[in-house]
């Protein structure tokens, strides 16, 4: 890592006194939000397709369905994490 890139990281605005709070609050909120979104996705899957979402433990589920469900749920989780972390950062910067 070059010296300039390490300086850029240090100037990212995370040195405020509120940063320790954000490192505790944001992951906890993201965890809870991911649980809610996962349940909502599973409920939508059940409502649309009339069956439970495929599980990695269900060997009778088609591989394509399991991979598609994993991709959708992972993408939703990533989006939730970004939204929550940015919302917490914005709330603490005010």
Foldseek 3Di string as FASTA:
>chain_A
DDPVVVVVVVPPPCPDPCNVVLVPPLVVVLVVVLVVVVVVVQVVCCVPVVDGQDDPPDPVDDPVSNVVVVVVSVVVSVVSSVVSSVVSVVVVVD
